[in-house]
C-alpha atoms as a PDB file:
ATOM      1  CA  UNK A   1       0.000   0.000   0.000  1.00  0.00           C
ATOM      2  CA  UNK A   2       1.122   3.542  -0.700  1.00  0.00           C
ATOM      3  CA  UNK A   3      -0.160   6.145   1.744  1.00  0.00           C
ATOM      4  CA  UNK A   4       0.014   9.789   0.682  1.00  0.00           C
ATOM      5  CA  UNK A   5      -0.229  12.815   2.954  1.00  0.00           C
ATOM      6  CA  UNK A   6      -2.098  14.477   0.110  1.00  0.00           C
ATOM      7  CA  UNK A   7      -2.731  18.022   1.333  1.00  0.00           C
ATOM      8  CA  UNK A   8      -0.383  20.208  -0.741  1.00  0.00           C
ATOM      9  CA  UNK A   9       1.449  17.176  -2.164  1.00  0.00           C
ATOM     10  CA  UNK A  10       3.035  18.318  -5.446  1.00  0.00           C
ATOM     11  CA  UNK A  11       3.667  14.819  -6.838  1.00  0.00           C
ATOM     12  CA  UNK A  12       0.260  13.119  -6.843  1.00  0.00           C
ATOM     13  CA  UNK A  13       0.286  12.398 -10.612  1.00  0.00           C
ATOM     14  CA  UNK A  14       3.746  10.865 -10.337  1.00  0.00           C
ATOM     15  CA  UNK A  15       2.651   8.691  -7.414  1.00  0.00           C
ATOM     16  CA  UNK A  16      -0.287   7.321  -9.403  1.00  0.00           C
ATOM     17  CA  UNK A  17       1.948   6.603 -12.401  1.00  0.00           C
ATOM     18  CA  UNK A  18       4.531   4.654 -10.377  1.00  0.00           C
ATOM     19  CA  UNK A  19       1.844   2.854  -8.349  1.00  0.00           C
ATOM     20  CA  UNK A  20       0.147   1.689 -11.540  1.00  0.00           C
ATOM     21  CA  UNK A  21       3.455   0.349 -12.875  1.00  0.00           C
ATOM     22  CA  UNK A  22       3.970  -1.661  -9.674  1.00  0.00           C
ATOM     23  CA  UNK A  23       0.273  -2.595  -9.244  1.00  0.00           C
ATOM     24  CA  UNK A  24       0.215  -1.091  -5.744  1.00  0.00           C
ATOM     25  CA  UNK A  25      -2.923   0.438  -4.252  1.00  0.00           C
ATOM     26  CA  UNK A  26      -2.771   4.104  -3.259  1.00  0.00           C
ATOM     27  CA  UNK A  27      -4.598   5.865  -0.438  1.00  0.00           C
ATOM     28  CA  UNK A  28      -4.672   9.653  -0.651  1.00  0.00           C
ATOM     29  CA  UNK A  29      -5.408  11.159   2.771  1.00  0.00           C
ATOM     30  CA  UNK A  30      -6.383  14.828   3.112  1.00  0.00           C
ATOM     31  CA  UNK A  31      -8.272  17.304   5.266  1.00  0.00           C
ATOM     32  CA  UNK A  32     -10.069  18.737   2.258  1.00  0.00           C
ATOM     33  CA  UNK A  33     -11.496  17.555  -1.024  1.00  0.00           C
ATOM     34  CA  UNK A  34      -9.375  15.867  -3.661  1.00  0.00           C
ATOM     35  CA  UNK A  35      -9.943  15.417  -7.351  1.00  0.00           C
ATOM     36  CA  UNK A  36     -11.568  11.984  -7.610  1.00  0.00           C
ATOM     37  CA  UNK A  37      -9.879   9.196  -9.510  1.00  0.00           C
ATOM     38  CA  UNK A  38     -11.661   6.520 -11.512  1.00  0.00           C
ATOM     39  CA  UNK A  39      -8.803   4.123 -10.871  1.00  0.00           C
ATOM     40  CA  UNK A  40     -10.057   1.300  -8.619  1.00  0.00           C
ATOM     41  CA  UNK A  41      -6.573   1.074  -7.065  1.00  0.00           C
ATOM     42  CA  UNK A  42      -6.906   4.626  -5.670  1.00  0.00           C
ATOM     43  CA  UNK A  43      -8.794   5.369  -2.466  1.00  0.00           C
ATOM     44  CA  UNK A  44      -9.549   8.867  -1.203  1.00  0.00           C
ATOM     45  CA  UNK A  45      -9.868   9.449   2.525  1.00  0.00           C
ATOM     46  CA  UNK A  46     -11.071  12.805   3.808  1.00  0.00           C
ATOM     47  CA  UNK A  47     -10.400  13.229   7.518  1.00  0.00           C
ATOM     48  CA  UNK A  48     -11.634  15.908   9.894  1.00  0.00           C
ATOM     49  CA  UNK A  49      -9.961  19.285   9.789  1.00  0.00           C
ATOM     50  CA  UNK A  50      -8.512  18.612  13.248  1.00  0.00           C
ATOM     51  CA  UNK A  51      -4.826  19.219  13.870  1.00  0.00           C
ATOM     52  CA  UNK A  52      -2.771  16.291  12.479  1.00  0.00           C
ATOM     53  CA  UNK A  53      -5.899  14.277  11.608  1.00  0.00           C
ATOM     54  CA  UNK A  54      -4.446  13.094   8.277  1.00  0.00           C
ATOM     55  CA  UNK A  55      -1.125  12.308   9.937  1.00  0.00           C
ATOM     56  CA  UNK A  56      -2.827  10.305  12.678  1.00  0.00           C
ATOM     57  CA  UNK A  57      -4.876   8.345  10.129  1.00  0.00           C
ATOM     58  CA  UNK A  58      -1.775   7.394   8.135  1.00  0.00           C
ATOM     59  CA  UNK A  59       0.383   6.637  11.184  1.00  0.00           C
ATOM     60  CA  UNK A  60      -2.265   4.281  12.596  1.00  0.00           C
ATOM     61  CA  UNK A  61      -2.305   2.190   9.416  1.00  0.00           C
ATOM     62  CA  UNK A  62       1.198   2.299   7.908  1.00  0.00           C
ATOM     63  CA  UNK A  63       3.554  -0.544   8.655  1.00  0.00           C
ATOM     64  CA  UNK A  64       6.190  -2.854   7.181  1.00  0.00           C
ATOM     65  CA  UNK A  65       5.849  -3.183   3.414  1.00  0.00           C
ATOM     66  CA  UNK A  66       3.966   0.106   3.070  1.00  0.00           C
ATOM     67  CA  UNK A  67       5.294   3.238   1.397  1.00  0.00           C
ATOM     68  CA  UNK A  68       4.436   6.628   2.897  1.00  0.00           C
ATOM     69  CA  UNK A  69       4.862   9.925   1.086  1.00  0.00           C
ATOM     70  CA  UNK A  70       4.960  13.012   3.270  1.00  0.00           C
ATOM     71  CA  UNK A  71       6.888  16.229   3.776  1.00  0.00           C
ATOM     72  CA  UNK A  72       5.893  16.167   7.457  1.00  0.00           C
ATOM     73  CA  UNK A  73       8.922  15.081   9.503  1.00  0.00           C
ATOM     74  CA  UNK A  74       6.985  14.058  12.650  1.00  0.00           C
ATOM     75  CA  UNK A  75       4.678  11.860  10.539  1.00  0.00           C
ATOM     76  CA  UNK A  76       7.728  10.420   8.779  1.00  0.00           C
ATOM     77  CA  UNK A  77       9.213   9.552  12.173  1.00  0.00           C
ATOM     78  CA  UNK A  78       6.060   7.810  13.337  1.00  0.00           C
ATOM     79  CA  UNK A  79       5.897   5.750  10.133  1.00  0.00           C
ATOM     80  CA  UNK A  80       9.611   4.877  10.157  1.00  0.00           C
ATOM     81  CA  UNK A  81       9.170   3.635  13.742  1.00  0.00           C
ATOM     82  CA  UNK A  82       6.458   1.268  12.483  1.00  0.00           C
ATOM     83  CA  UNK A  83       8.678  -0.107   9.712  1.00  0.00           C
ATOM     84  CA  UNK A  84       7.217   1.754   6.725  1.00  0.00           C
ATOM     85  CA  UNK A  85       9.339   3.022   3.829  1.00  0.00           C
ATOM     86  CA  UNK A  86       9.063   6.818   3.820  1.00  0.00           C
ATOM     87  CA  UNK A  87       9.988   9.526   1.331  1.00  0.00           C
ATOM     88  CA  UNK A  88       9.275  13.197   0.931  1.00  0.00           C
ATOM     89  CA  UNK A  89       8.056  14.748  -2.324  1.00  0.00           C
ATOM     90  CA  UNK A  90      11.620  15.765  -3.225  1.00  0.00           C
ATOM     91  CA  UNK A  91      12.847  12.162  -3.059  1.00  0.00           C
ATOM     92  CA  UNK A  92      14.392  12.502   0.381  1.00  0.00           C
ATOM     93  CA  UNK A  93      14.208   9.136   2.128  1.00  0.00           C
ATOM     94  CA  UNK A  94      13.470   9.055   5.842  1.00  0.00           C
ATOM     95  CA  UNK A  95      14.791   5.980   7.663  1.00  0.00           C
ATOM     96  CA  UNK A  96      16.063   4.906  11.082  1.00  0.00           C
ATOM     97  CA  UNK A  97      19.540   6.238  10.231  1.00  0.00           C
ATOM     98  CA  UNK A  98      18.440   9.817   9.494  1.00  0.00           C
ATOM     99  CA  UNK A  99      15.065  10.488  11.104  1.00  0.00           C
ATOM    100  CA  UNK A 100      16.655  11.758  14.318  1.00  0.00           C
ATOM    101  CA  UNK A 101      18.700  14.359  12.444  1.00  0.00           C
ATOM    102  CA  UNK A 102      15.716  15.308  10.276  1.00  0.00           C
ATOM    103  CA  UNK A 103      13.649  15.872  13.421  1.00  0.00           C
ATOM    104  CA  UNK A 104      16.408  17.917  15.063  1.00  0.00           C
ATOM    105  CA  UNK A 105      16.816  20.098  11.949  1.00  0.00           C
ATOM    106  CA  UNK A 106      13.049  20.626  11.764  1.00  0.00           C
ATOM    107  CA  UNK A 107      12.965  21.672  15.410  1.00  0.00           C
ATOM    108  CA  UNK A 108      15.948  23.995  14.933  1.00  0.00           C
ATOM    109  CA  UNK A 109      14.266  25.614  11.928  1.00  0.00           C
ATOM    110  CA  UNK A 110      11.071  26.127  13.935  1.00  0.00           C
ATOM    111  CA  UNK A 111      13.068  27.697  16.763  1.00  0.00           C
ATOM    112  CA  UNK A 112      14.894  30.052  14.382  1.00  0.00           C
ATOM    113  CA  UNK A 113      11.597  31.124  12.814  1.00  0.00           C
ATOM    114  CA  UNK A 114      10.056  31.747  16.259  1.00  0.00           C
ATOM    115  CA  UNK A 115      12.997  33.916  17.328  1.00  0.00           C
ATOM    116  CA  UNK A 116      13.041  35.856  14.056  1.00  0.00           C
ATOM    117  CA  UNK A 117      16.498  34.597  13.070  1.00  0.00           C
ATOM    118  CA  UNK A 118      15.052  32.972   9.958  1.00  0.00           C
ATOM    119  CA  UNK A 119      12.099  33.837   7.774  1.00  0.00           C
ATOM    120  CA  UNK A 120      11.560  30.172   6.963  1.00  0.00           C
ATOM    121  CA  UNK A 121      11.338  30.373   3.197  1.00  0.00           C
ATOM    122  CA  UNK A 122      11.374  26.984   1.508  1.00  0.00           C
ATOM    123  CA  UNK A 123      13.152  26.427  -1.762  1.00  0.00           C
ATOM    124  CA  UNK A 124      10.896  26.183  -4.808  1.00  0.00           C
ATOM    125  CA  UNK A 125       9.941  22.695  -5.997  1.00  0.00           C
ATOM    126  CA  UNK A 126      12.021  21.954  -9.117  1.00  0.00           C
ATOM    127  CA  UNK A 127      12.070  19.537 -12.022  1.00  0.00           C
ATOM    128  CA  UNK A 128      15.152  17.985 -10.393  1.00  0.00           C
ATOM    129  CA  UNK A 129      13.101  17.369  -7.220  1.00  0.00           C
ATOM    130  CA  UNK A 130      10.373  15.694  -9.283  1.00  0.00           C
ATOM    131  CA  UNK A 131      12.917  13.469 -11.029  1.00  0.00           C
ATOM    132  CA  UNK A 132      14.590  12.499  -7.736  1.00  0.00           C
ATOM    133  CA  UNK A 133      11.182  11.696  -6.288  1.00  0.00           C
ATOM    134  CA  UNK A 134      10.253   9.412  -9.195  1.00  0.00           C
ATOM    135  CA  UNK A 135      13.515   7.502  -8.859  1.00  0.00           C
ATOM    136  CA  UNK A 136      13.147   7.159  -5.082  1.00  0.00           C
ATOM    137  CA  UNK A 137       9.501   6.093  -5.225  1.00  0.00           C
ATOM    138  CA  UNK A 138      10.234   3.458  -7.844  1.00  0.00           C
ATOM    139  CA  UNK A 139      13.055   2.057  -5.680  1.00  0.00           C
ATOM    140  CA  UNK A 140      10.877   2.045  -2.527  1.00  0.00           C
ATOM    141  CA  UNK A 141       8.012   0.323  -4.360  1.00  0.00           C
ATOM    142  CA  UNK A 142      10.366  -2.451  -5.458  1.00  0.00           C
ATOM    143  CA  UNK A 143      11.574  -2.839  -1.851  1.00  0.00           C
ATOM    144  CA  UNK A 144       8.008  -2.806  -0.504  1.00  0.00           C
ATOM    145  CA  UNK A 145       7.004  -5.646  -2.812  1.00  0.00           C
ATOM    146  CA  UNK A 146       9.834  -7.773  -1.385  1.00  0.00           C
ATOM    147  CA  UNK A 147       8.566  -7.449   2.208  1.00  0.00           C
END
């Protein structure tokens, strides 16, 4: 199963393309409406607008052999802890070796924004990011099918 933290996910079409190639079902989880898909392998889940509702839904279900796509580092950490394969939309893999550092860097960034030391601008999403994501997702799907 591929679980997608779908609110503001810039790579939904790419996810569906790779999932179809690997015959893996996809669940798009969001707090608001999504464009429906006619693909029977795609499920849409709309959760309440409560804080972290989509994250909680994914974290409760993801486990070994599942792929999770999220830019949310705390959600990535929860899913890594349960044995899921996790990537961000730029192709950055989150695993047991790097999730601690990713969490620390996220917390540092939040602290710097709160103190005014950083404005917190994120780099624009690029074609290179999209390409890296496609390569990473394909690799993770192959690994997931071996579990």
